Amino acid sequence: FDLFDTDKTGKIDYHELKVSMKALGFDVKKQEVLKLIQDYDHEETGNIFYQDFVEIMTQKILNRDPDEEIHKAFQLFDDDQTGKISLKNLRRVARELGEDLSDEELQAMIDEFDCDDDGEINAKEFASIMKQSSYF
């Protein structure tokens, strides 16, 4: 909350709420943000307080569809839209994250979860990996 309360007033306005929701992975339309402010702005100042923000975001996060989130994550890896995560895709993601991993290490990651032995990770294999983790 403090990160998005740019003017440090202890409350956030329409723009700050919209930016915070986008930063947290929610694609929200102007009307939805305006409605949230209207619903939670009991003092009619055009702002919402920390507790309101927590309530809004808790509800949004609980309403997320884990399968949809996994699909979105898969698409971030599969930037060439082949339907599979290749060594090239994994190398790019590792580099973007600042990880210094050799091709052998990256290929070992693929090999560990490559159930159909095609040398790449498909969407089903990726979903299986994600569902084994504590993230979903």
N, C-alpha and C. Protein backbone atom coordinates (compact mmCIF):
# COMPACT_ATOMS: atom_id res chain seq x y z
N PHE A 1 0.83 -1.19 0.00
CA PHE A 1 0.00 0.00 0.00
C PHE A 1 0.87 1.26 0.00
N ASP A 2 1.87 1.26 0.86
CA ASP A 2 2.75 2.44 0.95
C ASP A 2 3.46 2.74 -0.36
N LEU A 3 3.76 1.68 -1.11
CA LEU A 3 4.42 1.85 -2.40
C LEU A 3 3.54 2.64 -3.37
N PHE A 4 2.23 2.44 -3.27
CA PHE A 4 1.30 3.08 -4.21
C PHE A 4 0.73 4.39 -3.67
N ASP A 5 0.86 4.62 -2.39
CA ASP A 5 0.44 5.89 -1.78
C ASP A 5 1.55 6.90 -2.02
N THR A 6 1.64 7.37 -3.25
CA THR A 6 2.79 8.17 -3.67
C THR A 6 2.90 9.51 -2.95
N ASP A 7 1.78 10.06 -2.53
CA ASP A 7 1.85 11.34 -1.82
C ASP A 7 1.86 11.16 -0.30
N LYS A 8 1.95 9.89 0.15
CA LYS A 8 2.10 9.53 1.57
C LYS A 8 1.02 10.15 2.47
N THR A 9 -0.24 10.03 2.02
CA THR A 9 -1.36 10.58 2.79
C THR A 9 -2.07 9.53 3.64
N GLY A 10 -1.70 8.25 3.45
CA GLY A 10 -2.39 7.18 4.17
C GLY A 10 -3.65 6.72 3.45
N LYS A 11 -3.84 7.25 2.27
CA LYS A 11 -4.98 6.85 1.43
C LYS A 11 -4.55 6.92 -0.03
N ILE A 12 -5.28 6.23 -0.87
CA ILE A 12 -4.92 6.26 -2.30
C ILE A 12 -6.13 6.71 -3.11
N ASP A 13 -5.83 7.42 -4.19
CA ASP A 13 -6.88 7.93 -5.06
C ASP A 13 -7.08 6.99 -6.25
N TYR A 14 -7.92 7.42 -7.18
CA TYR A 14 -8.25 6.61 -8.36
C TYR A 14 -6.99 6.15 -9.09
N HIS A 15 -6.11 7.09 -9.40
CA HIS A 15 -4.92 6.75 -10.19
C HIS A 15 -4.00 5.78 -9.45
N GLU A 16 -3.81 6.03 -8.17
CA GLU A 16 -2.95 5.15 -7.37
C GLU A 16 -3.56 3.76 -7.25
N LEU A 17 -4.88 3.68 -7.10
CA LEU A 17 -5.55 2.37 -7.01
C LEU A 17 -5.42 1.61 -8.33
N LYS A 18 -5.64 2.32 -9.42
CA LYS A 18 -5.53 1.67 -10.74
C LYS A 18 -4.11 1.15 -10.97
N VAL A 19 -3.10 1.95 -10.67
CA VAL A 19 -1.71 1.54 -10.84
C VAL A 19 -1.40 0.34 -9.95
N SER A 20 -1.86 0.38 -8.71
CA SER A 20 -1.57 -0.72 -7.78
C SER A 20 -2.21 -2.02 -8.24
N MET A 21 -3.44 -1.93 -8.73
CA MET A 21 -4.12 -3.14 -9.19
C MET A 21 -3.44 -3.72 -10.42
N LYS A 22 -3.00 -2.84 -11.33
CA LYS A 22 -2.26 -3.31 -12.51
C LYS A 22 -0.95 -3.97 -12.09
N ALA A 23 -0.26 -3.34 -11.14
CA ALA A 23 1.02 -3.87 -10.66
C ALA A 23 0.85 -5.23 -10.00
N LEU A 24 -0.31 -5.46 -9.42
CA LEU A 24 -0.58 -6.74 -8.76
C LEU A 24 -1.20 -7.76 -9.71
N GLY A 25 -1.24 -7.43 -11.00
CA GLY A 25 -1.65 -8.40 -12.02
C GLY A 25 -3.11 -8.38 -12.39
N PHE A 26 -3.82 -7.32 -12.04
CA PHE A 26 -5.24 -7.23 -12.38
C PHE A 26 -5.45 -6.21 -13.48
N ASP A 27 -6.06 -6.65 -14.56
CA ASP A 27 -6.36 -5.76 -15.68
C ASP A 27 -7.73 -5.16 -15.41
N VAL A 28 -7.76 -3.95 -14.90
CA VAL A 28 -9.02 -3.33 -14.50
C VAL A 28 -9.37 -2.16 -15.41
N LYS A 29 -10.65 -2.02 -15.64
CA LYS A 29 -11.16 -0.92 -16.46
C LYS A 29 -11.46 0.28 -15.56
N LYS A 30 -11.51 1.44 -16.17
CA LYS A 30 -11.77 2.68 -15.46
C LYS A 30 -13.05 2.59 -14.62
N GLN A 31 -14.12 2.06 -15.22
CA GLN A 31 -15.40 1.99 -14.52
C GLN A 31 -15.33 1.12 -13.27
N GLU A 32 -14.57 0.03 -13.34
CA GLU A 32 -14.43 -0.85 -12.18
C GLU A 32 -13.72 -0.14 -11.04
N VAL A 33 -12.67 0.59 -11.36
CA VAL A 33 -11.92 1.33 -10.33
C VAL A 33 -12.80 2.42 -9.73
N LEU A 34 -13.52 3.14 -10.57
CA LEU A 34 -14.42 4.19 -10.07
C LEU A 34 -15.49 3.61 -9.16
N LYS A 35 -16.01 2.44 -9.52
CA LYS A 35 -17.04 1.78 -8.68
C LYS A 35 -16.44 1.37 -7.34
N LEU A 36 -15.23 0.85 -7.34
CA LEU A 36 -14.58 0.46 -6.08
C LEU A 36 -14.41 1.68 -5.17
N ILE A 37 -13.97 2.78 -5.75
CA ILE A 37 -13.79 4.00 -4.95
C ILE A 37 -15.14 4.46 -4.40
N GLN A 38 -16.15 4.42 -5.26
CA GLN A 38 -17.49 4.82 -4.82
C GLN A 38 -17.98 3.92 -3.67
N ASP A 39 -17.76 2.62 -3.78
CA ASP A 39 -18.22 1.67 -2.77
C ASP A 39 -17.48 1.79 -1.45
N TYR A 40 -16.20 2.15 -1.49
CA TYR A 40 -15.37 2.15 -0.28
C TYR A 40 -15.06 3.55 0.27
N ASP A 41 -15.36 4.57 -0.49
CA ASP A 41 -15.06 5.94 -0.07
C ASP A 41 -16.20 6.49 0.77
N HIS A 42 -16.21 6.13 2.05
CA HIS A 42 -17.30 6.50 2.94
C HIS A 42 -17.28 7.99 3.29
N GLU A 43 -16.14 8.63 3.17
CA GLU A 43 -16.03 10.06 3.47
C GLU A 43 -16.21 10.93 2.23
N GLU A 44 -16.41 10.27 1.07
CA GLU A 44 -16.62 10.95 -0.21
C GLU A 44 -15.51 11.95 -0.54
N THR A 45 -14.27 11.46 -0.39
CA THR A 45 -13.10 12.29 -0.70
C THR A 45 -12.43 11.87 -2.01
N GLY A 46 -12.92 10.76 -2.60
CA GLY A 46 -12.28 10.24 -3.80
C GLY A 46 -11.09 9.36 -3.50
N ASN A 47 -10.96 8.94 -2.25
CA ASN A 47 -9.83 8.12 -1.81
C ASN A 47 -10.31 6.91 -1.02
N ILE A 48 -9.44 5.91 -0.92
CA ILE A 48 -9.72 4.78 -0.03
C ILE A 48 -8.53 4.60 0.90
N PHE A 49 -8.82 4.07 2.07
CA PHE A 49 -7.79 3.87 3.08
C PHE A 49 -7.19 2.46 2.98
N TYR A 50 -6.13 2.25 3.73
CA TYR A 50 -5.40 0.98 3.74
C TYR A 50 -6.32 -0.22 3.95
N GLN A 51 -7.17 -0.18 4.96
CA GLN A 51 -8.03 -1.33 5.26
C GLN A 51 -8.96 -1.65 4.10
N ASP A 52 -9.46 -0.63 3.43
CA ASP A 52 -10.30 -0.84 2.25
C ASP A 52 -9.50 -1.50 1.13
N PHE A 53 -8.28 -1.02 0.95
CA PHE A 53 -7.39 -1.58 -0.07
C PHE A 53 -7.14 -3.07 0.20
N VAL A 54 -6.87 -3.40 1.46
CA VAL A 54 -6.63 -4.80 1.84
C VAL A 54 -7.86 -5.65 1.53
N GLU A 55 -9.03 -5.13 1.87
CA GLU A 55 -10.27 -5.87 1.63
C GLU A 55 -10.51 -6.09 0.13
N ILE A 56 -10.32 -5.04 -0.64
CA ILE A 56 -10.50 -5.13 -2.10
C ILE A 56 -9.54 -6.16 -2.69
N MET A 57 -8.26 -6.03 -2.37
CA MET A 57 -7.25 -6.91 -2.97
C MET A 57 -7.38 -8.34 -2.47
N THR A 58 -7.76 -8.53 -1.22
CA THR A 58 -7.97 -9.89 -0.71
C THR A 58 -9.06 -10.57 -1.52
N GLN A 59 -10.14 -9.86 -1.75
CA GLN A 59 -11.25 -10.43 -2.52
C GLN A 59 -10.82 -10.73 -3.96
N LYS A 60 -10.08 -9.80 -4.57
CA LYS A 60 -9.62 -10.00 -5.94
C LYS A 60 -8.71 -11.23 -6.03
N ILE A 61 -7.80 -11.35 -5.08
CA ILE A 61 -6.85 -12.47 -5.10
C ILE A 61 -7.57 -13.80 -4.87
N LEU A 62 -8.54 -13.81 -3.95
CA LEU A 62 -9.28 -15.05 -3.68
C LEU A 62 -10.14 -15.47 -4.88
N ASN A 63 -10.53 -14.52 -5.70
CA ASN A 63 -11.36 -14.82 -6.86
C ASN A 63 -10.56 -15.22 -8.10
N ARG A 64 -9.25 -15.22 -7.99
CA ARG A 64 -8.42 -15.61 -9.14
C ARG A 64 -8.63 -17.09 -9.46
N ASP A 65 -8.60 -17.39 -10.73
CA ASP A 65 -8.71 -18.78 -11.20
C ASP A 65 -7.29 -19.32 -11.36
N PRO A 66 -6.90 -20.32 -10.54
CA PRO A 66 -5.53 -20.83 -10.61
C PRO A 66 -5.14 -21.32 -12.01
N ASP A 67 -6.05 -21.97 -12.71
CA ASP A 67 -5.72 -22.46 -14.05
C ASP A 67 -5.46 -21.31 -15.02
N GLU A 68 -6.22 -20.25 -14.88
CA GLU A 68 -6.01 -19.07 -15.73
C GLU A 68 -4.66 -18.42 -15.42
N GLU A 69 -4.32 -18.35 -14.13
CA GLU A 69 -3.04 -17.78 -13.73
C GLU A 69 -1.87 -18.61 -14.26
N ILE A 70 -2.02 -19.92 -14.22
CA ILE A 70 -0.98 -20.82 -14.74
C ILE A 70 -0.84 -20.61 -16.24
N HIS A 71 -1.96 -20.47 -16.93
CA HIS A 71 -1.93 -20.24 -18.38
C HIS A 71 -1.21 -18.92 -18.70
N LYS A 72 -1.51 -17.87 -17.93
CA LYS A 72 -0.83 -16.57 -18.14
C LYS A 72 0.67 -16.70 -17.91
N ALA A 73 1.04 -17.43 -16.87
CA ALA A 73 2.47 -17.62 -16.58
C ALA A 73 3.14 -18.39 -17.72
N PHE A 74 2.46 -19.42 -18.23
CA PHE A 74 3.01 -20.20 -19.36
C PHE A 74 3.27 -19.29 -20.55
N GLN A 75 2.33 -18.38 -20.83
CA GLN A 75 2.48 -17.48 -21.97
C GLN A 75 3.68 -16.54 -21.81
N LEU A 76 4.02 -16.20 -20.56
CA LEU A 76 5.19 -15.36 -20.34
C LEU A 76 6.47 -16.09 -20.76
N PHE A 77 6.51 -17.39 -20.57
CA PHE A 77 7.66 -18.18 -20.99
C PHE A 77 7.63 -18.40 -22.50
N ASP A 78 6.46 -18.73 -23.03
CA ASP A 78 6.28 -19.09 -24.44
C ASP A 78 6.10 -17.84 -25.30
N ASP A 79 7.12 -16.98 -25.32
CA ASP A 79 7.01 -15.70 -26.03
C ASP A 79 6.95 -15.85 -27.55
N ASP A 80 7.40 -16.99 -28.07
CA ASP A 80 7.33 -17.21 -29.51
C ASP A 80 6.05 -17.97 -29.90
N GLN A 81 5.20 -18.22 -28.93
CA GLN A 81 3.87 -18.80 -29.12
C GLN A 81 3.88 -20.12 -29.89
N THR A 82 4.80 -21.00 -29.49
CA THR A 82 4.86 -22.33 -30.12
C THR A 82 4.02 -23.35 -29.36
N GLY A 83 3.56 -22.96 -28.17
CA GLY A 83 2.81 -23.90 -27.34
C GLY A 83 3.72 -24.74 -26.46
N LYS A 84 5.01 -24.41 -26.49
CA LYS A 84 5.99 -25.14 -25.70
C LYS A 84 7.06 -24.19 -25.18
N ILE A 85 7.68 -24.57 -24.07
CA ILE A 85 8.80 -23.81 -23.52
C ILE A 85 10.08 -24.53 -23.93
N SER A 86 10.86 -23.87 -24.75
CA SER A 86 12.10 -24.45 -25.26
C SER A 86 13.27 -23.97 -24.41
N LEU A 87 14.43 -24.50 -24.69
CA LEU A 87 15.65 -24.04 -24.04
C LEU A 87 15.84 -22.55 -24.29
N LYS A 88 15.56 -22.11 -25.51
CA LYS A 88 15.69 -20.69 -25.87
C LYS A 88 14.77 -19.84 -24.98
N ASN A 89 13.52 -20.27 -24.80
CA ASN A 89 12.57 -19.54 -23.95
C ASN A 89 13.07 -19.47 -22.51
N LEU A 90 13.51 -20.60 -22.00
CA LEU A 90 13.97 -20.67 -20.61
C LEU A 90 15.23 -19.82 -20.41
N ARG A 91 16.11 -19.83 -21.39
CA ARG A 91 17.33 -19.02 -21.34
C ARG A 91 16.96 -17.53 -21.25
N ARG A 92 16.00 -17.11 -22.05
CA ARG A 92 15.56 -15.71 -22.04
C ARG A 92 14.99 -15.32 -20.66
N VAL A 93 14.13 -16.16 -20.11
CA VAL A 93 13.52 -15.86 -18.81
C VAL A 93 14.59 -15.81 -17.72
N ALA A 94 15.52 -16.76 -17.74
CA ALA A 94 16.60 -16.77 -16.75
C ALA A 94 17.42 -15.48 -16.85
N ARG A 95 17.72 -15.08 -18.07
CA ARG A 95 18.49 -13.85 -18.28
C ARG A 95 17.72 -12.63 -17.77
N GLU A 96 16.40 -12.56 -18.07
CA GLU A 96 15.58 -11.44 -17.62
C GLU A 96 15.50 -11.37 -16.10
N LEU A 97 15.57 -12.53 -15.45
CA LEU A 97 15.52 -12.57 -13.99
C LEU A 97 16.88 -12.40 -13.35
N GLY A 98 17.92 -12.25 -14.18
CA GLY A 98 19.26 -12.05 -13.66
C GLY A 98 19.92 -13.33 -13.17
N GLU A 99 19.40 -14.47 -13.61
CA GLU A 99 19.97 -15.77 -13.21
C GLU A 99 21.07 -16.16 -14.20
N ASP A 100 22.21 -16.52 -13.68
CA ASP A 100 23.34 -16.92 -14.52
C ASP A 100 23.40 -18.44 -14.54
N LEU A 101 22.62 -19.04 -15.42
CA LEU A 101 22.56 -20.50 -15.52
C LEU A 101 23.09 -20.95 -16.88
N SER A 102 23.83 -22.03 -16.87
CA SER A 102 24.35 -22.57 -18.13
C SER A 102 23.23 -23.27 -18.90
N ASP A 103 23.47 -23.48 -20.19
CA ASP A 103 22.49 -24.21 -20.99
C ASP A 103 22.28 -25.62 -20.44
N GLU A 104 23.33 -26.22 -19.90
CA GLU A 104 23.21 -27.56 -19.33
C GLU A 104 22.26 -27.56 -18.13
N GLU A 105 22.39 -26.54 -17.28
CA GLU A 105 21.50 -26.43 -16.12
C GLU A 105 20.05 -26.19 -16.55
N LEU A 106 19.86 -25.33 -17.54
CA LEU A 106 18.52 -25.05 -18.03
C LEU A 106 17.91 -26.28 -18.69
N GLN A 107 18.71 -26.98 -19.48
CA GLN A 107 18.21 -28.19 -20.13
C GLN A 107 17.86 -29.27 -19.09
N ALA A 108 18.63 -29.33 -18.02
CA ALA A 108 18.33 -30.28 -16.94
C ALA A 108 16.97 -29.98 -16.31
N MET A 109 16.65 -28.70 -16.19
CA MET A 109 15.33 -28.31 -15.67
C MET A 109 14.23 -28.81 -16.60
N ILE A 110 14.43 -28.62 -17.89
CA ILE A 110 13.45 -29.08 -18.87
C ILE A 110 13.33 -30.60 -18.80
N ASP A 111 14.46 -31.28 -18.81
CA ASP A 111 14.46 -32.75 -18.83
C ASP A 111 13.74 -33.34 -17.62
N GLU A 112 13.85 -32.67 -16.47
CA GLU A 112 13.23 -33.17 -15.25
C GLU A 112 11.71 -33.25 -15.36
N PHE A 113 11.11 -32.34 -16.11
CA PHE A 113 9.65 -32.28 -16.18
C PHE A 113 9.09 -32.61 -17.56
N ASP A 114 9.94 -32.96 -18.50
CA ASP A 114 9.53 -33.26 -19.87
C ASP A 114 9.01 -34.69 -19.96
N CYS A 115 7.72 -34.85 -19.71
CA CYS A 115 7.11 -36.20 -19.66
C CYS A 115 7.04 -36.89 -21.02
N ASP A 116 6.88 -36.12 -22.09
CA ASP A 116 6.75 -36.75 -23.41
C ASP A 116 8.09 -36.82 -24.16
N ASP A 117 9.17 -36.47 -23.49
CA ASP A 117 10.53 -36.59 -24.04
C ASP A 117 10.73 -35.89 -25.39
N ASP A 118 10.10 -34.72 -25.56
CA ASP A 118 10.31 -33.99 -26.80
C ASP A 118 11.32 -32.85 -26.64
N GLY A 119 11.92 -32.73 -25.44
CA GLY A 119 12.94 -31.73 -25.20
C GLY A 119 12.39 -30.35 -24.85
N GLU A 120 11.07 -30.25 -24.69
CA GLU A 120 10.45 -28.97 -24.35
C GLU A 120 9.34 -29.22 -23.33
N ILE A 121 8.85 -28.14 -22.73
CA ILE A 121 7.78 -28.24 -21.75
C ILE A 121 6.49 -27.71 -22.38
N ASN A 122 5.48 -28.58 -22.48
CA ASN A 122 4.19 -28.13 -23.02
C ASN A 122 3.32 -27.58 -21.89
N ALA A 123 2.16 -27.07 -22.23
CA ALA A 123 1.28 -26.42 -21.24
C ALA A 123 0.85 -27.39 -20.14
N LYS A 124 0.60 -28.63 -20.49
CA LYS A 124 0.18 -29.62 -19.49
C LYS A 124 1.31 -29.92 -18.51
N GLU A 125 2.51 -30.07 -19.03
CA GLU A 125 3.68 -30.31 -18.18
C GLU A 125 3.94 -29.11 -17.28
N PHE A 126 3.79 -27.91 -17.83
CA PHE A 126 3.99 -26.68 -17.05
C PHE A 126 2.97 -26.59 -15.92
N ALA A 127 1.71 -26.89 -16.23
CA ALA A 127 0.65 -26.86 -15.21
C ALA A 127 0.97 -27.85 -14.10
N SER A 128 1.48 -28.99 -14.46
CA SER A 128 1.84 -30.00 -13.47
C SER A 128 2.95 -29.49 -12.54
N ILE A 129 3.94 -28.82 -13.12
CA ILE A 129 5.03 -28.24 -12.34
C ILE A 129 4.46 -27.21 -11.35
N MET A 130 3.61 -26.33 -11.86
CA MET A 130 3.08 -25.26 -11.04
C MET A 130 2.18 -25.78 -9.92
N LYS A 131 1.43 -26.81 -10.21
CA LYS A 131 0.52 -27.36 -9.19
C LYS A 131 1.28 -28.12 -8.12
N GLN A 132 2.52 -28.56 -8.41
CA GLN A 132 3.35 -29.19 -7.41
C GLN A 132 3.99 -28.17 -6.48
N SER A 133 4.06 -26.93 -6.95
CA SER A 133 4.70 -25.89 -6.14
C SER A 133 3.70 -25.33 -5.13
N SER A 134 4.16 -24.47 -4.28
CA SER A 134 3.28 -23.87 -3.27
C SER A 134 2.58 -22.63 -3.79
N TYR A 135 2.80 -22.27 -5.06
CA TYR A 135 2.21 -21.05 -5.59
C TYR A 135 0.76 -21.22 -5.99
N PHE A 136 0.34 -22.46 -6.32
CA PHE A 136 -1.03 -22.67 -6.79
C PHE A 136 -1.68 -23.81 -6.05
